[in-house]
Amino acid sequence: MTDLVTPEIEEPNNPIWPVALYVALIGAILGFGILIRTAGAEPIQQRINPDVDTVVLDRFSVEMGRFHLESNRIPVTLEQMSPILIDAILVAVDPNYLDTKKTPTWPLAVAALKGNYIAAKPSVTQLYVRLHHGVPNTRIAALREISSVVYLERTYPKEAILEEYLSAIPLGRSSYGVEAASLAWYGRKSGEVEIAQAAHLASLAAGTSDRNEILENMRASGSITSGELAAQRKISVSEFVKPFVDSSPQHQMASDVGLKTPLQQIYVALVERYGQDAVTQGRVETKSTIDLGLQTQIAEIVQEFEADTKVQDIAVVVLDDRNQLRAAYASQQSLFERNLSDIRTVDQLMGQPIEFDLVALSDEITVLRLGELHSILGRNGRSYAT
């Protein structure tokens, strides 16, 4: 009887790593796509926030003034802008922005992974994100930028993003946005801008000094005619640009009650603590120690006394039991700026000898400072921040 021999079965030599690599690659692609889109749900730039005034409240939460947007940063809507200005800037920075539904993010992601995250010409949405977070300089920063682009374009129409971009883009002469730039460069609103000014602002937006190139591209896009192109080329920039005048933040305050000096002090303190951008963009809520009702009453009393007696130099400072300022009014604003120690010694101003550790030798003794010193002296040297 012949023994049955079980034949050996040879195992296939086909390696499985190509299949595993293929599966891993597909998973990586899908995962990366999901990462970009889900990361966009929580981007650095969460929402479009137009700048607003920073409101200053008194100690009883009554509005007593506000810090305006700086005169060099004035948001406006697309409807308020000149159509030729919008066309010119789009031609200069992103001609097809409004013609496409979304910014193509996959090429951006591939470029970011390769390290070429600033090689491609950015879209308006990217430019808007970069106004807040700067140009990416790492792969992570580039991916975060893409995330913000995905979020913004998923959440807002492109017209809204364009409007915010045009209201925030730096355009020289310390101006941000087309409205402030139009006023700074030409002395007119953005809705009154004509072809020459539009091409000039567009060249500033694009970072080029070649205004003629912008004009040529505007003709090619149909924004202007060949005749208008020829006419505009004959106009030099000096013919429509006004002399430069620097600007500073504006303050609005309750009228005729003498709040200029207290609000100036509040403004300086807020800028030192939170930064100028936070204050001028309205991201700070402020409650002061001032009592607006008392301030108004004192202003009325001083004004009436001044009219009856013809006394011109009157200054009143009121502090509470924690030597915090409650009201300050002067018949002339310059009284608050005058250094009283120039004409009298500290002892004479205080009415008694004062230890020098209470007053630094370099201190100016203004009316406000004199009131604070009297209050501190009355509290045996104890001081509280105003």
Protein backbone atom coordinates (compact mmCIF):
# COMPACT_ATOMS: atom_id res chain seq x y z
CA MET A 1 0.00 0.00 0.00
CA THR A 2 1.42 3.24 -1.05
CA ASP A 3 1.68 6.01 1.58
CA LEU A 4 -0.20 9.17 0.80
CA VAL A 5 2.14 12.14 0.71
CA THR A 6 0.68 15.57 1.29
CA PRO A 7 2.22 17.88 -1.29
CA GLU A 8 3.84 21.09 -0.06
CA ILE A 9 1.91 24.21 -0.95
CA GLU A 10 4.15 27.06 -1.94
CA GLU A 11 3.23 30.47 -0.54
CA PRO A 12 3.05 33.30 -3.07
CA ASN A 13 6.00 35.64 -3.10
CA ASN A 14 3.92 38.74 -3.97
CA PRO A 15 4.76 41.45 -1.41
CA ILE A 16 1.85 43.26 0.27
CA TRP A 17 3.61 46.59 0.86
CA PRO A 18 2.37 48.19 -2.40
CA VAL A 19 -1.21 47.59 -1.31
CA ALA A 20 -0.49 48.94 2.16
CA LEU A 21 1.23 51.97 0.69
CA TYR A 22 -1.71 52.60 -1.63
CA VAL A 23 -4.20 52.37 1.24
CA ALA A 24 -2.04 54.64 3.39
CA LEU A 25 -1.74 57.16 0.57
CA ILE A 26 -5.49 57.22 0.00
CA GLY A 27 -6.04 57.59 3.73
CA ALA A 28 -3.52 60.42 3.92
CA ILE A 29 -5.16 62.27 1.04
CA LEU A 30 -8.64 61.90 2.53
CA GLY A 31 -7.39 62.77 5.99
CA PHE A 32 -5.55 65.84 4.75
CA GLY A 33 -8.64 67.04 2.92
CA ILE A 34 -10.75 66.52 6.02
CA LEU A 35 -8.11 68.29 8.12
CA ILE A 36 -8.12 71.36 5.90
CA ARG A 37 -11.90 71.58 5.84
CA THR A 38 -12.52 70.80 9.50
CA ALA A 39 -9.68 73.02 10.64
CA GLY A 40 -11.44 75.78 8.77
CA ALA A 41 -14.26 75.51 11.29
CA GLU A 42 -11.95 77.00 13.93
CA PRO A 43 -9.52 79.26 12.09
CA ILE A 44 -7.39 81.96 13.58
CA GLN A 45 -9.55 84.57 11.87
CA GLN A 46 -12.94 83.54 13.18
CA ARG A 47 -15.17 86.16 11.62
CA ILE A 48 -15.25 89.44 9.80
CA ASN A 49 -15.31 92.16 12.44
CA PRO A 50 -15.78 95.74 11.22
CA ASP A 51 -14.10 98.30 13.46
CA VAL A 52 -16.33 100.17 15.89
CA ASP A 53 -15.90 102.99 18.39
CA THR A 54 -14.47 102.24 21.83
CA VAL A 55 -17.10 103.48 24.29
CA VAL A 56 -16.03 104.97 27.62
CA LEU A 57 -18.51 104.68 30.51
CA ASP A 58 -18.57 106.61 33.75
CA ARG A 59 -18.57 104.87 37.13
CA PHE A 60 -22.34 104.34 36.87
CA SER A 61 -22.13 102.79 33.37
CA VAL A 62 -23.38 105.94 31.64
CA GLU A 63 -21.69 106.65 28.31
CA MET A 64 -19.58 109.77 28.66
CA GLY A 65 -17.54 109.61 25.47
CA ARG A 66 -15.99 107.39 22.86
CA PHE A 67 -12.84 107.03 20.87
CA HIS A 68 -13.55 107.25 17.19
CA LEU A 69 -12.01 105.04 14.63
CA GLU A 70 -8.83 106.73 13.60
CA SER A 71 -9.34 109.13 10.73
CA ASN A 72 -6.98 106.91 8.75
CA ARG A 73 -9.23 103.83 9.07
CA ILE A 74 -12.79 104.31 7.83
CA PRO A 75 -14.83 101.23 6.81
CA VAL A 76 -17.25 101.69 3.89
CA THR A 77 -19.50 99.38 1.89
CA LEU A 78 -18.96 98.38 -1.73
CA GLU A 79 -21.98 100.48 -2.65
CA GLN A 80 -20.25 103.56 -1.24
CA MET A 81 -17.09 102.98 -3.29
CA SER A 82 -16.60 104.12 -6.86
CA PRO A 83 -17.14 101.13 -9.21
CA ILE A 84 -14.02 102.09 -11.19
CA LEU A 85 -12.00 101.91 -7.97
CA ILE A 86 -13.22 98.39 -7.22
CA ASP A 87 -12.48 97.32 -10.79
CA ALA A 88 -8.99 98.83 -10.68
CA ILE A 89 -7.97 97.08 -7.46
CA LEU A 90 -9.40 93.74 -8.59
CA VAL A 91 -7.54 94.05 -11.90
CA ALA A 92 -4.35 94.74 -9.95
CA VAL A 93 -4.54 92.04 -7.27
CA ASP A 94 -7.02 89.31 -8.30
CA PRO A 95 -8.89 89.85 -11.61
CA ASN A 96 -11.01 86.68 -11.40
CA TYR A 97 -11.88 86.85 -7.71
CA LEU A 98 -15.61 87.47 -8.11
CA ASP A 99 -15.88 85.14 -11.11
CA THR A 100 -14.96 82.01 -9.15
CA LYS A 101 -17.05 80.51 -6.35
CA LYS A 102 -14.17 79.48 -4.10
CA THR A 103 -10.43 79.93 -3.92
CA PRO A 104 -8.82 76.64 -5.12
CA THR A 105 -7.29 75.34 -1.88
CA TRP A 106 -5.81 72.03 -3.04
CA PRO A 107 -3.01 73.66 -5.09
CA LEU A 108 -2.31 75.89 -2.09
CA ALA A 109 -2.08 72.87 0.21
CA VAL A 110 0.30 71.06 -2.16
CA ALA A 111 2.44 74.20 -2.45
CA ALA A 112 2.45 74.58 1.34
CA LEU A 113 3.65 71.02 1.85
CA LYS A 114 6.41 71.62 -0.68
CA GLY A 115 7.44 74.80 1.10
CA ASN A 116 6.32 77.10 -1.74
CA TYR A 117 3.61 78.74 0.35
CA ILE A 118 4.15 82.27 -1.00
CA ALA A 119 5.04 81.45 -4.60
CA ALA A 120 1.50 81.56 -6.03
CA LYS A 121 -0.37 84.85 -6.45
CA PRO A 122 -2.73 85.10 -3.45
CA SER A 123 -6.47 85.58 -3.73
CA VAL A 124 -8.29 88.50 -2.11
CA THR A 125 -9.37 86.18 0.70
CA GLN A 126 -5.75 85.24 1.34
CA LEU A 127 -4.73 88.88 1.25
CA TYR A 128 -7.44 89.69 3.79
CA VAL A 129 -6.24 86.92 6.12
CA ARG A 130 -2.67 88.19 5.75
CA LEU A 131 -3.75 91.65 6.88
CA HIS A 132 -4.44 90.07 10.27
CA HIS A 133 -1.81 87.34 10.49
CA GLY A 134 0.92 88.30 8.05
CA VAL A 135 2.48 86.34 5.21
CA PRO A 136 3.04 82.70 6.24
CA ASN A 137 6.66 81.75 6.80
CA THR A 138 6.22 78.11 7.82
CA ARG A 139 4.21 75.16 6.54
CA ILE A 140 2.00 75.25 9.64
CA ALA A 141 1.27 78.96 9.13
CA ALA A 142 0.46 78.31 5.47
CA LEU A 143 -1.96 75.51 6.39
CA ARG A 144 -3.61 77.77 8.96
CA GLU A 145 -4.00 80.42 6.28
CA ILE A 146 -5.70 77.88 4.01
CA SER A 147 -7.92 76.91 6.93
CA SER A 148 -8.99 80.52 7.40
CA VAL A 149 -9.62 80.90 3.67
CA VAL A 150 -11.85 77.81 3.69
CA TYR A 151 -13.78 79.08 6.71
CA LEU A 152 -14.30 82.61 5.42
CA GLU A 153 -15.42 81.55 1.96
CA ARG A 154 -17.69 78.90 3.44
CA THR A 155 -19.26 81.44 5.80
CA TYR A 156 -19.38 84.72 3.85
CA PRO A 157 -20.05 85.72 0.25
CA LYS A 158 -16.97 86.90 -1.59
CA GLU A 159 -18.43 90.39 -1.89
CA ALA A 160 -18.42 90.69 1.91
CA ILE A 161 -14.80 89.56 2.13
CA LEU A 162 -13.81 91.97 -0.64
CA GLU A 163 -15.58 94.81 1.17
CA GLU A 164 -13.69 94.13 4.39
CA TYR A 165 -10.41 93.83 2.52
CA LEU A 166 -10.91 97.16 0.76
CA SER A 167 -11.73 98.78 4.11
CA ALA A 168 -8.57 97.51 5.80
CA ILE A 169 -5.77 97.34 3.21
CA PRO A 170 -2.84 99.70 3.95
CA LEU A 171 -2.48 102.23 1.14
CA GLY A 172 0.21 104.63 2.29
CA ARG A 173 0.10 107.94 4.16
CA SER A 174 -0.77 105.97 7.32
CA SER A 175 -4.15 105.11 5.80
CA TYR A 176 -6.02 101.83 5.98
CA GLY A 177 -8.80 101.16 3.51
CA VAL A 178 -9.84 102.92 0.33
CA GLU A 179 -11.98 105.55 2.09
CA ALA A 180 -9.21 106.81 4.36
CA ALA A 181 -6.67 106.53 1.53
CA SER A 182 -8.85 108.53 -0.86
CA LEU A 183 -9.16 111.29 1.72
CA ALA A 184 -5.45 111.19 2.55
CA TRP A 185 -4.21 111.18 -1.06
CA TYR A 186 -6.85 113.18 -2.93
CA GLY A 187 -9.06 114.91 -0.39
CA ARG A 188 -12.18 113.12 -1.64
CA LYS A 189 -14.25 110.11 -0.64
CA SER A 190 -13.78 106.72 -2.26
CA GLY A 191 -17.14 107.10 -4.00
CA GLU A 192 -15.83 110.20 -5.78
CA VAL A 193 -12.63 108.62 -7.07
CA GLU A 194 -12.07 108.80 -10.83
CA ILE A 195 -9.93 106.71 -13.19
CA ALA A 196 -6.59 108.40 -12.40
CA GLN A 197 -6.98 108.08 -8.64
CA ALA A 198 -8.37 104.54 -8.94
CA ALA A 199 -5.34 103.37 -10.92
CA HIS A 200 -3.03 105.06 -8.42
CA LEU A 201 -4.65 103.35 -5.42
CA ALA A 202 -4.64 100.05 -7.30
CA SER A 203 -0.91 100.37 -7.90
CA LEU A 204 -0.43 100.94 -4.15
CA ALA A 205 -2.57 97.89 -3.37
CA ALA A 206 -0.54 95.76 -5.77
CA GLY A 207 2.77 97.12 -4.53
CA THR A 208 3.84 98.47 -7.89
CA SER A 209 4.80 101.93 -9.06
CA ASP A 210 3.71 101.25 -12.65
CA ARG A 211 0.34 103.00 -12.87
CA ASN A 212 0.37 102.69 -16.67
CA GLU A 213 0.42 98.91 -16.38
CA ILE A 214 -2.69 99.07 -14.22
CA LEU A 215 -4.37 101.35 -16.76
CA GLU A 216 -3.47 98.99 -19.61
CA ASN A 217 -4.93 96.04 -17.71
CA MET A 218 -8.06 98.03 -17.00
CA ARG A 219 -8.47 98.68 -20.72
CA ALA A 220 -7.90 94.99 -21.47
CA SER A 221 -10.58 94.02 -18.95
CA GLY A 222 -13.06 96.49 -20.41
CA SER A 223 -13.13 98.77 -17.37
CA ILE A 224 -11.99 101.74 -19.48
CA THR A 225 -11.87 102.51 -23.19
CA SER A 226 -8.81 103.04 -25.37
CA GLY A 227 -9.59 106.76 -25.46
CA GLU A 228 -9.73 106.94 -21.67
CA LEU A 229 -6.46 105.02 -21.49
CA ALA A 230 -4.73 107.53 -23.78
CA ALA A 231 -6.12 110.47 -21.79
CA GLN A 232 -5.10 109.01 -18.41
CA ARG A 233 -1.54 108.38 -19.53
CA LYS A 234 -1.11 112.12 -20.01
CA ILE A 235 -2.00 112.83 -16.37
CA SER A 236 0.86 112.80 -13.87
CA VAL A 237 0.35 111.70 -10.27
CA SER A 238 1.35 115.14 -8.98
CA GLU A 239 -1.69 116.65 -10.69
CA PHE A 240 -4.21 114.86 -8.47
CA VAL A 241 -2.30 114.04 -5.24
CA LYS A 242 -2.58 116.60 -2.46
CA PRO A 243 0.22 117.47 0.01
CA PHE A 244 0.59 115.01 2.87
CA VAL A 245 -0.89 115.96 6.24
CA ASP A 246 -0.41 113.56 9.16
CA SER A 247 -3.44 112.56 11.24
CA SER A 248 -3.96 111.30 14.77
CA PRO A 249 -6.79 109.50 16.60
CA GLN A 250 -9.94 111.49 17.14
CA HIS A 251 -11.81 111.63 20.41
CA GLN A 252 -15.51 112.31 20.82
CA MET A 253 -16.72 113.47 24.18
CA ALA A 254 -19.76 114.96 25.83
CA SER A 255 -19.73 118.58 24.71
CA ASP A 256 -19.06 121.54 26.99
CA VAL A 257 -18.44 119.57 30.17
CA GLY A 258 -14.64 119.52 30.03
CA LEU A 259 -13.93 115.84 29.48
CA LYS A 260 -11.08 116.30 27.03
CA THR A 261 -8.28 115.90 29.57
CA PRO A 262 -9.77 112.89 31.44
CA LEU A 263 -10.51 111.14 28.15
CA GLN A 264 -7.01 111.82 26.89
CA GLN A 265 -5.60 110.21 30.04
CA ILE A 266 -7.93 107.23 29.62
CA TYR A 267 -6.89 106.88 25.97
CA VAL A 268 -3.19 106.87 26.83
CA ALA A 269 -3.72 104.33 29.63
CA LEU A 270 -5.72 102.01 27.35
CA VAL A 271 -3.16 102.17 24.56
CA GLU A 272 -0.34 101.39 26.99
CA ARG A 273 -2.25 98.39 28.35
CA TYR A 274 -4.00 96.92 25.29
CA GLY A 275 -2.25 98.46 22.29
CA GLN A 276 -3.46 101.09 19.85
CA ASP A 277 -5.10 98.64 17.42
CA ALA A 278 -7.34 97.19 20.13
CA VAL A 279 -8.48 100.68 21.20
CA THR A 280 -9.09 102.14 17.74
CA GLN A 281 -10.84 98.99 16.50
CA GLY A 282 -13.29 98.96 19.41
CA ARG A 283 -12.15 95.76 21.09
CA VAL A 284 -11.96 97.36 24.56
CA GLU A 285 -14.81 98.07 26.96
CA THR A 286 -13.92 100.82 29.41
CA LYS A 287 -15.47 101.90 32.69
CA SER A 288 -13.85 104.92 34.31
CA THR A 289 -13.98 106.48 37.76
CA ILE A 290 -15.55 109.68 36.39
CA ASP A 291 -19.07 110.61 37.53
CA LEU A 292 -20.64 112.22 34.45
CA GLY A 293 -23.52 113.70 36.46
CA LEU A 294 -21.12 115.39 38.89
CA GLN A 295 -18.87 116.46 36.01
CA THR A 296 -21.82 118.13 34.30
CA GLN A 297 -22.92 119.93 37.48
CA ILE A 298 -19.42 121.25 38.16
CA ALA A 299 -19.10 122.45 34.57
CA GLU A 300 -22.36 124.38 34.89
CA ILE A 301 -21.31 125.93 38.23
CA VAL A 302 -17.89 126.98 36.96
CA GLN A 303 -19.31 128.41 33.74
CA GLU A 304 -21.90 130.42 35.69
CA PHE A 305 -19.29 131.66 38.19
CA GLU A 306 -16.96 132.62 35.36
CA ALA A 307 -19.70 134.62 33.65
CA ASP A 308 -20.65 136.44 36.87
CA THR A 309 -17.16 137.25 38.14
CA LYS A 310 -15.11 137.52 34.93
CA VAL A 311 -12.52 135.24 36.55
CA GLN A 312 -10.83 133.38 33.72
CA ASP A 313 -8.53 130.84 35.39
CA ILE A 314 -10.71 128.33 37.25
CA ALA A 315 -9.91 124.67 37.74
CA VAL A 316 -11.81 122.16 39.86
CA VAL A 317 -10.69 118.61 40.67
CA VAL A 318 -12.88 116.20 42.67
CA LEU A 319 -11.60 112.88 43.99
CA ASP A 320 -13.44 110.20 45.94
CA ASP A 321 -12.44 108.60 49.25
CA ARG A 322 -9.97 106.35 47.39
CA ASN A 323 -8.34 109.41 45.77
CA GLN A 324 -9.77 108.35 42.40
CA LEU A 325 -10.82 111.05 39.97
CA ARG A 326 -14.57 111.76 39.93
CA ALA A 327 -14.61 115.06 38.05
CA ALA A 328 -12.18 117.59 36.58
CA TYR A 329 -13.13 120.85 34.91
CA ALA A 330 -11.14 123.91 33.89
CA SER A 331 -12.31 127.17 32.36
CA GLN A 332 -9.37 126.86 29.96
CA GLN A 333 -8.03 123.51 28.84
CA SER A 334 -4.47 124.82 29.07
CA LEU A 335 -4.83 124.98 32.87
CA PHE A 336 -4.65 121.19 33.03
CA GLU A 337 -1.42 121.23 31.03
CA ARG A 338 0.31 124.00 32.99
CA ASN A 339 3.16 123.00 35.31
CA LEU A 340 2.38 124.79 38.58
CA SER A 341 5.77 123.95 40.08
CA ASP A 342 7.36 126.40 37.65
CA ILE A 343 5.96 129.31 39.65
CA ARG A 344 5.67 127.82 43.17
CA THR A 345 7.46 125.22 45.23
CA VAL A 346 5.77 121.96 46.15
CA ASP A 347 5.52 123.08 49.78
CA GLN A 348 3.79 126.30 48.72
CA LEU A 349 1.37 124.41 46.48
CA MET A 350 0.55 121.90 49.22
CA GLY A 351 0.39 124.51 51.99
CA GLN A 352 2.83 122.59 54.20
CA PRO A 353 6.25 120.92 54.05
CA ILE A 354 6.15 117.72 51.98
CA GLU A 355 8.46 114.74 52.15
CA PHE A 356 10.22 114.29 48.83
CA ASP A 357 9.44 110.57 48.66
CA LEU A 358 5.82 111.60 48.05
CA VAL A 359 6.73 113.69 45.02
CA ALA A 360 9.48 112.75 42.60
CA LEU A 361 11.76 115.66 41.80
CA SER A 362 11.07 115.17 38.08
CA ASP A 363 7.28 115.27 38.49
CA GLU A 364 5.32 118.08 36.94
CA ILE A 365 2.70 119.42 39.33
CA THR A 366 -0.40 119.93 37.20
CA VAL A 367 -3.84 120.74 38.59
CA LEU A 368 -4.81 117.07 38.43
CA ARG A 369 -1.57 115.99 40.08
CA LEU A 370 -2.01 118.61 42.80
CA GLY A 371 -5.47 117.27 43.59
CA GLU A 372 -4.12 113.72 43.75
CA LEU A 373 -1.30 114.80 46.07
CA HIS A 374 -3.73 116.50 48.46
CA SER A 375 -5.85 113.35 48.49
CA ILE A 376 -2.84 111.09 49.07
CA LEU A 377 -1.63 113.37 51.86
CA GLY A 378 -5.08 113.28 53.47
CA ARG A 379 -4.95 109.46 53.42
CA ASN A 380 -1.51 109.36 55.03
CA GLY A 381 0.25 108.48 51.80
CA ARG A 382 -2.13 105.76 50.60
CA SER A 383 -2.80 105.84 46.85
CA TYR A 384 -5.16 104.01 44.49
CA ALA A 385 -4.98 103.77 40.71
CA THR A 386 -7.45 106.00 38.88
